[in-house]
Amino acid sequence: QVQLVESGGGSVQAGGSLRLSCAASGSLFSGNTMGWYRQGPGKQRELVATITSGGYTNYAESVKGRFTISRDNAKNTVYLQMNSLTPEDTAVYYCNYWARVGYWGQGIQVTVSS
């Protein structure tokens, strides 16, 4: 089992920034992919960004140039720096850990007001 603990969400005005963190613990594998997904009001859950243990990143087109995903393998933690936030970024953000099977965090609310 893998446990994921997210932090850093909250409310911000458009144009502002937030940084999300997700710490993984439990039965971890050295080769894994961690990432962030989000689910906005009335929308399906969608990919935001992922990063492999080797540092390869993948971003949704809607966040490219504004969001940066990074990780600290020693701390088993992934970060999502979100800049130039817009109201369209309002969603519950979920951390994901994938290594043979996938695990989800409990989700954290990000609200961007205009």
Protein backbone atom coordinates (compact mmCIF):
# COMPACT_ATOMS: atom_id res chain seq x y z
CA GLN A 1 0.00 0.00 0.00
CA VAL A 2 1.01 3.58 -0.69
CA GLN A 3 -0.24 6.60 1.18
CA LEU A 4 -0.26 10.07 -0.40
CA VAL A 5 -0.61 13.25 1.63
CA GLU A 6 -1.29 16.45 -0.29
CA SER A 7 -0.85 20.00 0.95
CA GLY A 8 -0.67 23.55 -0.32
CA GLY A 9 -4.07 24.18 -1.80
CA GLY A 10 -6.26 27.15 -1.08
CA SER A 11 -7.78 30.24 -2.62
CA VAL A 12 -6.01 32.81 -4.74
CA GLN A 13 -6.90 35.59 -7.11
CA ALA A 14 -6.38 35.28 -10.83
CA GLY A 15 -2.77 35.80 -11.75
CA GLY A 16 -1.58 34.43 -8.46
CA SER A 17 0.48 31.38 -7.60
CA LEU A 18 0.19 28.29 -5.45
CA ARG A 19 2.48 25.37 -4.78
CA LEU A 20 1.11 21.91 -4.13
CA SER A 21 3.06 19.16 -2.42
CA CYS A 22 2.41 15.44 -2.20
CA ALA A 23 4.39 13.13 0.04
CA ALA A 24 4.31 9.40 -0.61
CA SER A 25 4.93 6.73 1.99
CA GLY A 26 4.52 3.00 2.35
CA SER A 27 5.54 0.28 -0.08
CA LEU A 28 7.31 2.42 -2.65
CA PHE A 29 9.18 1.32 -5.75
CA SER A 30 12.26 3.14 -7.00
CA GLY A 31 10.86 3.28 -10.52
CA ASN A 32 7.61 5.16 -10.41
CA THR A 33 5.67 8.03 -11.87
CA MET A 34 4.04 10.67 -9.73
CA GLY A 35 1.73 13.32 -10.94
CA TRP A 36 -1.21 15.61 -10.52
CA TYR A 37 -4.70 15.36 -11.92
CA ARG A 38 -7.63 17.67 -11.38
CA GLN A 39 -11.38 17.62 -11.49
CA GLY A 40 -13.24 20.86 -11.97
CA PRO A 41 -16.91 21.44 -11.19
CA GLY A 42 -19.01 19.32 -13.52
CA LYS A 43 -15.95 18.01 -15.33
CA GLN A 44 -14.13 14.72 -15.59
CA ARG A 45 -10.79 14.19 -13.92
CA GLU A 46 -7.96 15.22 -16.21
CA LEU A 47 -4.20 15.02 -16.34
CA VAL A 48 -2.29 18.09 -15.21
CA ALA A 49 1.30 16.91 -15.13
CA THR A 50 3.39 13.83 -14.40
CA ILE A 51 7.03 13.18 -13.65
CA THR A 52 8.93 9.92 -13.63
CA SER A 53 11.54 8.98 -11.06
CA GLY A 54 14.09 9.76 -13.75
CA GLY A 55 12.75 13.28 -14.16
CA TYR A 56 10.85 12.96 -17.42
CA THR A 57 7.86 15.33 -17.38
CA ASN A 58 4.57 15.51 -19.20
CA TYR A 59 2.09 18.39 -19.10
CA ALA A 60 -1.42 19.08 -20.23
CA GLU A 61 -1.47 21.69 -22.98
CA SER A 62 -3.61 23.97 -20.84
CA VAL A 63 -0.92 24.34 -18.18
CA LYS A 64 2.27 24.36 -20.24
CA GLY A 65 4.34 27.43 -19.49
CA ARG A 66 2.43 28.16 -16.30
CA PHE A 67 2.82 25.04 -14.14
CA THR A 68 6.01 23.23 -13.22
CA ILE A 69 6.17 19.75 -11.76
CA SER A 70 9.21 18.60 -9.82
CA ARG A 71 10.12 15.95 -7.31
CA ASP A 72 12.51 15.15 -4.52
CA ASN A 73 13.20 11.44 -4.70
CA ALA A 74 14.94 11.42 -1.33
CA LYS A 75 11.74 12.73 0.25
CA ASN A 76 9.36 10.78 -2.03
CA THR A 77 7.62 14.08 -2.65
CA VAL A 78 6.26 15.67 -5.79
CA TYR A 79 5.54 19.36 -6.18
CA LEU A 80 3.39 21.40 -8.53
CA GLN A 81 4.25 25.08 -8.85
CA MET A 82 1.26 26.84 -10.36
CA ASN A 83 1.72 30.37 -11.70
CA SER A 84 -0.54 32.73 -13.61
CA LEU A 85 -3.59 30.96 -12.26
CA THR A 86 -6.96 31.55 -13.89
CA PRO A 87 -10.49 30.73 -12.72
CA GLU A 88 -10.41 27.80 -15.16
CA ASP A 89 -7.78 26.21 -12.93
CA THR A 90 -10.31 25.94 -10.11
CA ALA A 91 -10.59 22.25 -9.25
CA VAL A 92 -9.85 19.54 -6.78
CA TYR A 93 -6.28 18.47 -7.44
CA TYR A 94 -5.34 14.84 -6.88
CA CYS A 95 -1.89 13.42 -6.43
CA ASN A 96 -1.20 10.14 -8.18
CA TYR A 97 1.48 7.53 -7.68
CA TRP A 98 1.99 4.82 -10.27
CA ALA A 99 4.25 1.80 -10.00
CA ARG A 100 2.60 -1.44 -11.19
CA VAL A 101 -0.61 -0.16 -9.60
CA GLY A 102 -1.92 3.32 -9.05
CA TYR A 103 -2.77 5.18 -5.89
CA TRP A 104 -4.61 8.45 -5.35
CA GLY A 105 -4.43 11.13 -2.72
CA GLN A 106 -7.56 12.44 -1.05
CA GLY A 107 -7.61 15.58 -3.18
CA ILE A 108 -7.03 19.20 -2.34
CA GLN A 109 -9.11 22.19 -3.35
CA VAL A 110 -7.67 25.00 -5.45
CA THR A 111 -9.95 27.98 -6.01
CA VAL A 112 -9.03 30.87 -8.28
CA SER A 113 -11.23 33.94 -8.20
CA SER A 114 -11.45 36.55 -10.92
